[in-house]
């Protein structure tokens, strides 16, 4: 099997560690994925909050219309 370097330590190509550039690239990829996930979670939370507000508004309007519909009409002259 081939060694990478000629020296006292006999390390093979699969035993070498990660270089600084590889670590920076890996951290950059993880940061991009993490940022994307945070943005997606924030957008989802805002959409859920908006949907809850709209649901409350529709329920209030429906309740008011039911009250108006069941109110007796008495003409005043």
N, C-alpha and C. Protein backbone atom coordinates (compact mmCIF):
# COMPACT_ATOMS: atom_id res chain seq x y z
N UNK A 1 0.83 -1.17 0.00
CA UNK A 1 0.00 0.00 0.00
C UNK A 1 0.88 1.24 0.00
N UNK A 2 0.40 2.26 -0.62
CA UNK A 2 1.25 3.43 -0.78
C UNK A 2 1.11 4.37 0.40
N UNK A 3 2.20 4.97 0.77
CA UNK A 3 2.24 5.96 1.84
C UNK A 3 2.26 7.34 1.22
N UNK A 4 1.77 8.32 1.95
CA UNK A 4 1.78 9.68 1.43
C UNK A 4 3.16 10.31 1.54
N UNK A 5 3.79 10.15 2.64
CA UNK A 5 5.07 10.81 2.84
C UNK A 5 6.17 9.82 3.16
N UNK A 6 7.36 10.27 2.98
CA UNK A 6 8.51 9.45 3.34
C UNK A 6 9.04 10.00 4.65
N UNK A 7 8.95 9.24 5.68
CA UNK A 7 9.41 9.71 6.97
C UNK A 7 9.26 8.61 8.00
N UNK A 8 9.39 9.05 9.25
CA UNK A 8 9.31 8.07 10.33
C UNK A 8 7.89 7.57 10.54
N UNK A 9 6.90 8.44 10.38
CA UNK A 9 5.52 8.00 10.56
C UNK A 9 5.03 7.37 9.27
N UNK A 10 4.41 6.25 9.39
CA UNK A 10 3.89 5.55 8.22
C UNK A 10 2.37 5.65 8.24
N UNK A 11 1.87 6.73 7.68
CA UNK A 11 0.43 6.91 7.62
C UNK A 11 -0.02 6.70 6.18
N UNK A 12 -1.12 6.06 6.04
CA UNK A 12 -1.67 5.80 4.73
C UNK A 12 -2.66 6.90 4.36
N UNK A 13 -3.10 6.94 3.12
CA UNK A 13 -3.96 8.03 2.65
C UNK A 13 -5.27 8.08 3.41
N UNK A 14 -5.81 6.98 3.87
CA UNK A 14 -7.08 7.00 4.59
C UNK A 14 -6.90 7.37 6.07
N UNK A 15 -5.66 7.45 6.52
CA UNK A 15 -5.41 7.78 7.92
C UNK A 15 -5.07 9.25 8.13
N UNK A 16 -5.02 10.01 7.07
CA UNK A 16 -4.64 11.40 7.25
C UNK A 16 -5.82 12.19 7.82
N UNK A 17 -5.53 13.29 8.49
CA UNK A 17 -6.57 14.12 9.10
C UNK A 17 -7.16 15.10 8.11
N UNK A 18 -8.07 15.93 8.61
CA UNK A 18 -8.68 16.95 7.78
C UNK A 18 -7.82 18.20 7.78
N UNK A 19 -7.74 18.84 6.63
CA UNK A 19 -6.98 20.08 6.54
C UNK A 19 -7.86 21.25 6.98
N UNK A 20 -7.25 22.39 7.19
CA UNK A 20 -7.98 23.57 7.61
C UNK A 20 -8.99 23.99 6.54
N UNK A 21 -8.61 23.90 5.29
CA UNK A 21 -9.52 24.29 4.20
C UNK A 21 -10.74 23.37 4.18
N UNK A 22 -10.53 22.09 4.37
CA UNK A 22 -11.65 21.16 4.40
C UNK A 22 -12.59 21.47 5.55
N UNK A 23 -12.03 21.83 6.68
CA UNK A 23 -12.86 22.17 7.84
C UNK A 23 -13.64 23.46 7.59
N UNK A 24 -13.02 24.45 6.99
CA UNK A 24 -13.70 25.71 6.71
C UNK A 24 -14.84 25.49 5.71
N UNK A 25 -14.58 24.68 4.68
CA UNK A 25 -15.62 24.39 3.69
C UNK A 25 -16.77 23.63 4.35
N UNK A 26 -16.46 22.65 5.19
CA UNK A 26 -17.51 21.89 5.86
C UNK A 26 -18.33 22.79 6.79
N UNK A 27 -17.68 23.67 7.53
CA UNK A 27 -18.41 24.59 8.40
C UNK A 27 -19.25 25.58 7.60
N UNK A 28 -18.74 25.99 6.45
CA UNK A 28 -19.52 26.88 5.59
C UNK A 28 -20.78 26.20 5.07
N UNK A 29 -20.66 24.95 4.69
CA UNK A 29 -21.82 24.20 4.22
C UNK A 29 -22.83 24.02 5.35
N UNK A 30 -22.34 23.65 6.52
CA UNK A 30 -23.24 23.50 7.67
C UNK A 30 -23.91 24.82 8.04
N UNK A 31 -23.17 25.92 7.96
CA UNK A 31 -23.75 27.23 8.27
C UNK A 31 -24.84 27.59 7.26
N UNK A 32 -24.61 27.30 5.98
CA UNK A 32 -25.62 27.59 4.96
C UNK A 32 -26.88 26.76 5.18
N UNK A 33 -26.70 25.49 5.50
CA UNK A 33 -27.86 24.63 5.76
C UNK A 33 -28.60 25.10 7.02
N UNK A 34 -27.85 25.44 8.06
CA UNK A 34 -28.47 25.93 9.30
C UNK A 34 -29.23 27.22 9.09
N UNK A 35 -28.65 28.13 8.32
CA UNK A 35 -29.33 29.39 8.04
C UNK A 35 -30.62 29.15 7.26
N UNK A 36 -30.54 28.26 6.29
CA UNK A 36 -31.75 27.93 5.52
C UNK A 36 -32.84 27.34 6.39
N UNK A 37 -32.46 26.47 7.31
CA UNK A 37 -33.45 25.88 8.21
C UNK A 37 -34.06 26.93 9.14
N UNK A 38 -33.23 27.82 9.65
CA UNK A 38 -33.77 28.87 10.54
C UNK A 38 -34.73 29.79 9.80
N UNK A 39 -34.40 30.14 8.57
CA UNK A 39 -35.30 30.98 7.78
C UNK A 39 -36.61 30.24 7.51
N UNK A 40 -36.52 28.95 7.20
CA UNK A 40 -37.73 28.18 6.94
C UNK A 40 -38.60 28.08 8.20
N UNK A 41 -37.99 27.85 9.36
CA UNK A 41 -38.76 27.79 10.60
C UNK A 41 -39.41 29.13 10.93
N UNK A 42 -38.69 30.21 10.70
CA UNK A 42 -39.23 31.55 10.97
C UNK A 42 -40.41 31.84 10.05
N UNK A 43 -40.28 31.51 8.78
CA UNK A 43 -41.36 31.73 7.82
C UNK A 43 -42.57 30.89 8.20
N UNK A 44 -42.34 29.65 8.59
CA UNK A 44 -43.44 28.78 9.00
C UNK A 44 -44.15 29.33 10.24
N UNK A 45 -43.40 29.83 11.20
CA UNK A 45 -44.00 30.38 12.41
C UNK A 45 -44.84 31.62 12.09
N UNK A 46 -44.32 32.47 11.20
CA UNK A 46 -45.09 33.67 10.83
C UNK A 46 -46.37 33.29 10.09
N UNK A 47 -46.29 32.31 9.20
CA UNK A 47 -47.48 31.88 8.47
C UNK A 47 -48.52 31.28 9.41
N UNK A 48 -48.07 30.51 10.38
CA UNK A 48 -49.00 29.92 11.34
C UNK A 48 -49.66 31.00 12.19
N UNK A 49 -48.88 32.00 12.59
CA UNK A 49 -49.44 33.10 13.39
C UNK A 49 -50.48 33.88 12.57
N UNK A 50 -50.19 34.15 11.32
CA UNK A 50 -51.13 34.86 10.45
C UNK A 50 -52.40 34.05 10.25
N UNK A 51 -52.24 32.75 10.05
CA UNK A 51 -53.40 31.89 9.87
C UNK A 51 -54.26 31.85 11.12
N UNK A 52 -53.64 31.82 12.29
CA UNK A 52 -54.40 31.86 13.54
C UNK A 52 -55.18 33.17 13.67
N UNK A 53 -54.55 34.27 13.33
CA UNK A 53 -55.24 35.56 13.40
C UNK A 53 -56.42 35.61 12.44
N UNK A 54 -56.24 35.08 11.24
CA UNK A 54 -57.33 35.07 10.27
C UNK A 54 -58.47 34.16 10.73
N UNK A 55 -58.13 33.05 11.35
CA UNK A 55 -59.16 32.14 11.85
C UNK A 55 -59.97 32.81 12.96
N UNK A 56 -59.31 33.50 13.85
CA UNK A 56 -60.01 34.22 14.92
C UNK A 56 -60.92 35.29 14.32
N UNK A 57 -60.43 36.01 13.33
CA UNK A 57 -61.24 37.07 12.70
C UNK A 57 -62.47 36.49 12.02
N UNK A 58 -62.32 35.39 11.31
CA UNK A 58 -63.46 34.77 10.64
C UNK A 58 -64.47 34.26 11.66
N UNK A 59 -64.00 33.68 12.74
CA UNK A 59 -64.91 33.19 13.77
C UNK A 59 -65.68 34.34 14.42
N UNK A 60 -65.00 35.46 14.67
CA UNK A 60 -65.69 36.62 15.25
C UNK A 60 -66.75 37.17 14.30
N UNK A 61 -66.40 37.27 13.03
CA UNK A 61 -67.35 37.78 12.04
C UNK A 61 -68.55 36.84 11.94
N UNK A 62 -68.30 35.56 11.93
CA UNK A 62 -69.40 34.58 11.86
C UNK A 62 -70.29 34.70 13.09
N UNK A 63 -69.71 34.87 14.25
CA UNK A 63 -70.51 35.02 15.46
C UNK A 63 -71.36 36.29 15.41
N UNK A 64 -70.79 37.39 14.94
CA UNK A 64 -71.57 38.63 14.82
C UNK A 64 -72.70 38.47 13.82
N UNK A 65 -72.46 37.82 12.69
CA UNK A 65 -73.52 37.62 11.70
C UNK A 65 -74.62 36.72 12.26
N UNK A 66 -74.27 35.73 13.06
CA UNK A 66 -75.28 34.88 13.68
C UNK A 66 -76.13 35.68 14.65
N UNK A 67 -75.51 36.56 15.40
CA UNK A 67 -76.28 37.41 16.33
C UNK A 67 -77.22 38.30 15.54
N UNK A 68 -76.73 38.89 14.47
CA UNK A 68 -77.57 39.77 13.65
C UNK A 68 -78.69 38.98 13.00
N UNK A 69 -78.39 37.77 12.54
CA UNK A 69 -79.39 36.96 11.85
C UNK A 69 -80.51 36.54 12.81
N UNK A 70 -80.18 36.28 14.06
CA UNK A 70 -81.19 35.82 15.01
C UNK A 70 -81.86 36.97 15.76
N UNK A 71 -81.50 38.18 15.46
CA UNK A 71 -82.13 39.34 16.10
C UNK A 71 -83.47 39.61 15.41
N UNK A 72 -84.49 39.82 16.23
CA UNK A 72 -85.82 40.12 15.67
C UNK A 72 -85.80 41.51 15.05
N UNK A 73 -86.46 41.57 13.92
CA UNK A 73 -86.55 42.85 13.23
C UNK A 73 -87.84 43.55 13.66
N UNK A 74 -87.69 44.72 14.21
CA UNK A 74 -88.85 45.50 14.62
C UNK A 74 -88.70 46.88 13.98
N UNK A 75 -89.50 47.17 13.01
CA UNK A 75 -89.37 48.48 12.36
C UNK A 75 -89.74 49.61 13.33
N UNK A 76 -88.99 50.64 13.27
CA UNK A 76 -89.28 51.81 14.12
C UNK A 76 -89.69 52.97 13.21
N UNK A 77 -90.91 53.49 13.50
CA UNK A 77 -91.41 54.62 12.71
C UNK A 77 -91.55 55.82 13.56
